[in-house]
Amino acid sequence: MMPQGAAEGEDIPLEAAVDDQHAAPSSPEDAAIARLYGEPLTRLPNDLYIPPDALEIFLDAFEGPLDLLLYLIRKQNFNILDIPMAQVTLQYLEYVEQIRKSNLELAAEYLLMAAMLIEIKSRMLLPKRQDDLVEDVGDPRAELVRRLLDYEQIKSAAVALGNVPQEGRDFVRPQLFVEQGLNTALPDVDPWDLQRAWLDVLRRAKLTQHHRIGRQELSVREHMSAILRTLQSQRFVEFGDLFAGQHTVPIVVVHFVAMLELAKETLIEITQAEPFAPIYVRLAYSPA
């Protein structure tokens, strides 16, 4: 587009053309190159200092010279058994030159590998002498290839181990703290628990009884003595085991009454570890 007042075919200065294309912004907002505390900044301050190393971008991070060398080989699909030393050495030296500018201590280890690559490249470029033709000295790259293969195998194993779930990184073991007292508190035997146990014994006695008609005299004292004899030979006896051998309802009833009398006279103790647990009977401990 030609500026107004210029005749056709007339030469136009370059500065005028540029000024015509890049017209002045309509507002300070359009001309702002940055914002400082919310205010538009149209030009850089005169005393602004930007250090040379203010911004660093690392595209790839390597764990050592072998890692870098293996990356260059695998990235370009080179055969690791037939490495083109010229291309690999050139790319390797370019990377070493970059890290040497920022971190000389880190570049020292890489420079050692660079010297080894240059040595291998030089040995491959030198013509073979007559003695070397008679006695084959081998490929100068053999030692480097062996180190690269060993490093690749170890690196693959390390990646596989890193994928294994680890405690503290991938999962946390739950911990539960339980307060335990020194004295074990046994729950009290509820009368309904004793009733249910008695009904269960009575039900089993009915299943095994025979229908007989007769008169039988039973002594509660005798059954009390029998219970005490049973408890003397055993420390604890399960409630139902006390009625073993009692096949009739009258005998079971008298045996149960005898046990209640012994409990009333504090000669035996009836205990239960927890609710709905089996009920045990034992002799009462006499004070020393």
Protein backbone atom coordinates (compact mmCIF):
# COMPACT_ATOMS: atom_id res chain seq x y z
CA MET A 1 0.00 0.00 0.00
CA MET A 2 1.48 3.35 -1.10
CA PRO A 3 1.41 6.35 1.30
CA GLN A 4 -0.64 9.38 0.46
CA GLY A 5 1.17 12.16 -1.46
CA ALA A 6 3.54 9.76 -3.27
CA ALA A 7 3.34 9.72 -7.03
CA GLU A 8 3.24 6.51 -8.95
CA GLY A 9 6.71 5.24 -9.78
CA GLU A 10 8.35 7.50 -7.16
CA ASP A 11 10.91 5.87 -4.87
CA ILE A 12 9.77 5.57 -1.25
CA PRO A 13 12.34 5.49 1.56
CA LEU A 14 12.57 2.13 3.39
CA GLU A 15 12.08 3.74 6.81
CA ALA A 16 8.82 5.33 5.63
CA ALA A 17 7.52 1.99 4.37
CA VAL A 18 8.33 0.27 7.62
CA ASP A 19 6.72 3.04 9.65
CA ASP A 20 3.63 2.81 7.48
CA GLN A 21 3.31 -0.94 8.00
CA HIS A 22 3.99 -0.82 11.73
CA ALA A 23 1.82 2.04 12.80
CA ALA A 24 1.97 3.33 16.34
CA PRO A 25 -0.21 1.37 18.77
CA SER A 26 -3.53 2.87 19.59
CA SER A 27 -3.08 2.49 23.38
CA PRO A 28 -0.27 1.79 25.90
CA GLU A 29 -1.84 -1.62 26.56
CA ASP A 30 -1.02 -2.70 22.99
CA ALA A 31 2.58 -1.44 23.20
CA ALA A 32 3.33 -3.10 26.57
CA ILE A 33 6.09 -5.71 26.45
CA ALA A 34 5.49 -6.84 30.03
CA ARG A 35 3.61 -6.01 33.20
CA LEU A 36 5.19 -4.88 36.46
CA TYR A 37 2.88 -5.00 39.51
CA GLY A 38 -0.09 -4.92 37.12
CA GLU A 39 1.11 -1.82 35.25
CA PRO A 40 2.05 -2.06 31.53
CA LEU A 41 5.76 -1.75 30.77
CA THR A 42 6.44 -0.18 27.34
CA ARG A 43 10.27 -0.25 27.40
CA LEU A 44 13.01 -2.02 29.33
CA PRO A 45 14.62 -0.16 32.26
CA ASN A 46 18.08 1.24 31.64
CA ASP A 47 19.57 -0.46 34.73
CA LEU A 48 18.09 -3.91 33.98
CA TYR A 49 20.70 -6.68 34.25
CA ILE A 50 20.01 -10.21 33.08
CA PRO A 51 22.74 -12.75 34.05
CA PRO A 52 23.98 -14.99 31.23
CA ASP A 53 22.94 -18.14 33.11
CA ALA A 54 19.54 -16.81 34.23
CA LEU A 55 17.71 -19.36 32.11
CA GLU A 56 18.88 -22.92 31.53
CA ILE A 57 16.92 -25.60 29.72
CA PHE A 58 17.89 -29.26 30.08
CA LEU A 59 16.20 -31.39 27.45
CA ASP A 60 17.76 -34.68 28.53
CA ALA A 61 19.40 -35.78 31.76
CA PHE A 62 21.97 -38.57 31.70
CA GLU A 63 23.43 -40.57 34.56
CA GLY A 64 26.92 -40.78 33.11
CA PRO A 65 29.02 -41.08 29.94
CA LEU A 66 27.83 -44.58 29.17
CA ASP A 67 24.22 -43.47 29.50
CA LEU A 68 24.78 -40.61 27.05
CA LEU A 69 26.65 -42.84 24.60
CA LEU A 70 23.97 -45.52 24.74
CA TYR A 71 21.29 -42.85 24.19
CA LEU A 72 23.04 -41.57 21.04
CA ILE A 73 23.38 -45.09 19.65
CA ARG A 74 19.80 -46.17 20.35
CA LYS A 75 18.29 -42.87 19.20
CA GLN A 76 19.75 -43.26 15.70
CA ASN A 77 19.22 -47.05 15.55
CA PHE A 78 22.93 -47.78 15.20
CA ASN A 79 24.11 -51.37 15.54
CA ILE A 80 25.82 -51.50 18.90
CA LEU A 81 28.19 -54.20 17.57
CA ASP A 82 29.24 -51.94 14.66
CA ILE A 83 29.29 -48.37 16.03
CA PRO A 84 30.04 -45.58 13.50
CA MET A 85 32.68 -43.88 15.63
CA ALA A 86 32.88 -40.68 13.57
CA GLN A 87 29.21 -39.72 13.95
CA VAL A 88 28.88 -40.83 17.56
CA THR A 89 32.08 -39.09 18.63
CA LEU A 90 31.03 -35.82 16.97
CA GLN A 91 27.60 -35.81 18.66
CA TYR A 92 29.14 -36.81 21.98
CA LEU A 93 31.66 -33.94 21.85
CA GLU A 94 28.89 -31.44 21.08
CA TYR A 95 27.04 -32.46 24.24
CA VAL A 96 30.22 -32.39 26.35
CA GLU A 97 30.97 -28.88 25.11
CA GLN A 98 27.55 -27.72 26.31
CA ILE A 99 27.90 -29.11 29.84
CA ARG A 100 31.55 -27.96 30.07
CA LYS A 101 30.41 -24.33 29.87
CA SER A 102 28.11 -24.67 32.89
CA ASN A 103 29.59 -27.41 35.08
CA LEU A 104 33.26 -28.23 34.68
CA GLU A 105 33.26 -30.84 37.48
CA LEU A 106 30.43 -32.74 35.82
CA ALA A 107 32.15 -32.53 32.42
CA ALA A 108 35.37 -34.14 33.72
CA GLU A 109 33.88 -37.64 33.69
CA TYR A 110 32.45 -37.07 30.23
CA LEU A 111 35.80 -35.78 28.95
CA LEU A 112 37.44 -39.04 29.97
CA MET A 113 34.98 -40.97 27.80
CA ALA A 114 35.51 -38.45 25.00
CA ALA A 115 39.24 -39.16 25.09
CA MET A 116 38.52 -42.87 24.85
CA LEU A 117 36.24 -42.33 21.83
CA ILE A 118 38.84 -40.20 20.08
CA GLU A 119 41.47 -42.86 20.76
CA ILE A 120 39.27 -45.59 19.29
CA LYS A 121 38.47 -43.41 16.28
CA SER A 122 42.19 -42.71 15.73
CA ARG A 123 43.14 -46.37 15.95
CA MET A 124 40.49 -47.22 13.36
CA LEU A 125 41.80 -44.52 10.99
CA LEU A 126 45.44 -45.56 11.23
CA PRO A 127 46.62 -47.96 8.51
CA LYS A 128 47.45 -51.44 9.69
CA ARG A 129 51.11 -52.38 9.82
CA GLN A 130 52.51 -55.62 8.46
CA ASP A 131 52.82 -57.02 11.99
CA ASP A 132 49.13 -56.29 12.65
CA LEU A 133 48.13 -58.17 9.51
CA VAL A 134 49.99 -61.26 10.68
CA GLU A 135 48.65 -61.05 14.26
CA ASP A 136 45.05 -59.84 14.50
CA VAL A 137 44.83 -57.36 17.38
CA GLY A 138 41.02 -57.30 17.33
CA ASP A 139 38.43 -54.55 16.98
CA PRO A 140 39.34 -51.39 18.98
CA ARG A 141 35.62 -50.99 19.75
CA ALA A 142 35.29 -54.38 21.47
CA GLU A 143 35.94 -53.14 25.01
CA LEU A 144 33.54 -50.20 24.56
CA VAL A 145 30.82 -52.49 23.17
CA ARG A 146 31.23 -54.84 26.13
CA ARG A 147 30.85 -51.99 28.63
CA LEU A 148 27.79 -50.64 26.81
CA LEU A 149 26.07 -54.05 26.77
CA ASP A 150 26.77 -54.59 30.47
CA TYR A 151 25.49 -51.10 31.30
CA GLU A 152 22.31 -51.59 29.26
CA GLN A 153 21.61 -54.90 31.01
CA ILE A 154 22.12 -53.38 34.47
CA LYS A 155 19.99 -50.34 33.58
CA SER A 156 17.12 -52.57 32.40
CA ALA A 157 17.32 -54.57 35.64
CA ALA A 158 17.29 -51.33 37.67
CA VAL A 159 14.17 -50.12 35.84
CA ALA A 160 12.45 -53.45 36.52
CA LEU A 161 13.33 -53.22 40.23
CA GLY A 162 12.10 -49.63 40.32
CA ASN A 163 8.69 -50.72 39.04
CA VAL A 164 8.27 -53.14 41.96
CA PRO A 165 5.94 -51.60 44.59
CA GLN A 166 7.91 -50.24 47.52
CA GLU A 167 6.75 -49.56 51.03
CA GLY A 168 6.62 -45.85 51.73
CA ARG A 169 6.55 -44.92 48.06
CA ASP A 170 3.67 -46.92 46.58
CA PHE A 171 1.90 -48.20 49.69
CA VAL A 172 1.87 -47.77 53.46
CA ARG A 173 1.41 -50.54 55.99
CA PRO A 174 -1.44 -49.81 58.41
CA GLN A 175 -0.56 -49.70 62.08
CA LEU A 176 -2.97 -50.34 64.92
CA PHE A 177 -2.17 -49.66 68.56
CA VAL A 178 -4.14 -51.65 71.10
CA GLU A 179 -3.97 -50.81 74.77
CA GLN A 180 -3.82 -53.89 76.98
CA GLY A 181 -4.24 -53.84 80.69
CA LEU A 182 -2.22 -55.92 83.12
CA ASN A 183 -5.29 -57.61 84.62
CA THR A 184 -7.59 -59.59 82.38
CA ALA A 185 -11.18 -58.52 83.08
CA LEU A 186 -13.52 -61.46 82.64
CA PRO A 187 -17.14 -60.61 81.85
CA ASP A 188 -19.81 -61.54 84.38
CA VAL A 189 -21.98 -64.54 83.60
CA ASP A 190 -25.46 -63.32 82.81
CA PRO A 191 -28.34 -65.42 84.22
CA TRP A 192 -29.85 -65.57 80.75
CA ASP A 193 -26.62 -67.09 79.41
CA LEU A 194 -26.83 -69.76 82.07
CA GLN A 195 -30.48 -70.34 81.21
CA ARG A 196 -29.70 -70.77 77.53
CA ALA A 197 -26.92 -73.23 78.34
CA TRP A 198 -29.28 -75.15 80.62
CA LEU A 199 -31.99 -75.29 77.95
CA ASP A 200 -29.45 -76.61 75.46
CA VAL A 201 -28.44 -79.38 77.88
CA LEU A 202 -32.10 -80.16 78.54
CA ARG A 203 -32.80 -80.36 74.81
CA ARG A 204 -29.97 -82.82 74.28
CA ALA A 205 -31.12 -84.89 77.24
CA LYS A 206 -34.59 -85.21 75.72
CA LEU A 207 -33.12 -86.46 72.47
CA THR A 208 -31.30 -89.34 74.17
CA GLN A 209 -33.79 -90.30 76.90
CA HIS A 210 -35.86 -93.50 76.91
CA HIS A 211 -39.49 -93.53 77.93
CA ARG A 212 -39.69 -95.35 81.22
CA ILE A 213 -42.26 -95.37 83.97
CA GLY A 214 -40.95 -95.83 87.44
CA ARG A 215 -40.09 -94.20 90.70
CA GLN A 216 -36.57 -93.14 91.47
CA GLU A 217 -35.15 -91.52 94.55
CA LEU A 218 -32.35 -89.05 93.82
CA SER A 219 -30.06 -87.31 96.28
CA VAL A 220 -28.80 -83.79 95.63
CA ARG A 221 -25.90 -84.38 98.06
CA GLU A 222 -24.71 -87.36 96.08
CA HIS A 223 -24.69 -85.34 92.87
CA MET A 224 -22.86 -82.53 94.65
CA SER A 225 -20.18 -84.99 95.70
CA ALA A 226 -19.99 -86.37 92.15
CA ILE A 227 -19.50 -82.87 90.73
CA LEU A 228 -16.73 -82.12 93.26
CA ARG A 229 -14.96 -85.40 92.40
CA THR A 230 -15.10 -84.52 88.73
CA LEU A 231 -13.70 -81.05 89.28
CA GLN A 232 -10.85 -82.30 91.52
CA SER A 233 -9.26 -84.21 88.63
CA GLN A 234 -9.59 -81.39 86.10
CA ARG A 235 -8.86 -77.69 86.34
CA PHE A 236 -11.74 -76.57 84.13
CA VAL A 237 -14.77 -78.52 82.97
CA GLU A 238 -17.09 -77.32 80.26
CA PHE A 239 -20.64 -76.81 81.49
CA GLY A 240 -22.13 -79.39 79.18
CA ASP A 241 -19.47 -82.01 80.03
CA LEU A 242 -20.73 -82.10 83.64
CA PHE A 243 -23.90 -83.74 82.40
CA ALA A 244 -22.18 -86.48 80.45
CA GLY A 245 -23.68 -89.84 81.36
CA GLN A 246 -26.93 -88.32 82.68
CA HIS A 247 -29.51 -89.78 80.32
CA THR A 248 -32.82 -88.94 81.97
CA VAL A 249 -34.47 -85.63 82.64
CA PRO A 250 -34.86 -86.18 86.42
CA ILE A 251 -31.15 -87.00 86.79
CA VAL A 252 -30.17 -83.97 84.70
CA VAL A 253 -32.42 -81.71 86.81
CA VAL A 254 -31.01 -83.02 90.09
CA HIS A 255 -27.47 -82.67 88.74
CA PHE A 256 -28.15 -79.06 87.75
CA VAL A 257 -29.66 -78.29 91.18
CA ALA A 258 -26.58 -79.82 92.80
CA MET A 259 -24.34 -77.55 90.75
CA LEU A 260 -26.39 -74.49 91.77
CA GLU A 261 -26.08 -75.50 95.43
CA LEU A 262 -22.31 -75.79 95.11
CA ALA A 263 -22.19 -72.34 93.49
CA LYS A 264 -24.40 -70.96 96.28
CA GLU A 265 -22.03 -72.33 98.89
CA THR A 266 -19.06 -70.83 96.93
CA LEU A 267 -17.50 -74.26 96.48
CA ILE A 268 -17.33 -73.89 92.68
CA GLU A 269 -16.99 -70.97 90.24
CA ILE A 270 -18.81 -70.56 86.95
CA THR A 271 -16.80 -68.47 84.45
CA GLN A 272 -17.12 -67.33 80.86
CA ALA A 273 -14.32 -65.67 78.81
CA GLU A 274 -16.59 -63.48 76.68
CA PRO A 275 -20.24 -63.13 75.71
CA PHE A 276 -21.66 -66.21 73.94
CA ALA A 277 -18.48 -68.14 74.76
CA PRO A 278 -18.57 -71.60 76.39
CA ILE A 279 -19.24 -71.65 80.12
CA TYR A 280 -16.69 -73.41 82.33
CA VAL A 281 -16.98 -74.69 85.89
CA ARG A 282 -14.04 -75.06 88.29
CA LEU A 283 -13.37 -75.46 91.98
CA ALA A 284 -13.30 -72.24 93.97
CA TYR A 285 -9.86 -71.20 95.13
CA SER A 286 -9.56 -71.31 98.90
CA PRO A 287 -7.44 -68.57 100.54
CA ALA A 288 -4.04 -69.69 101.80
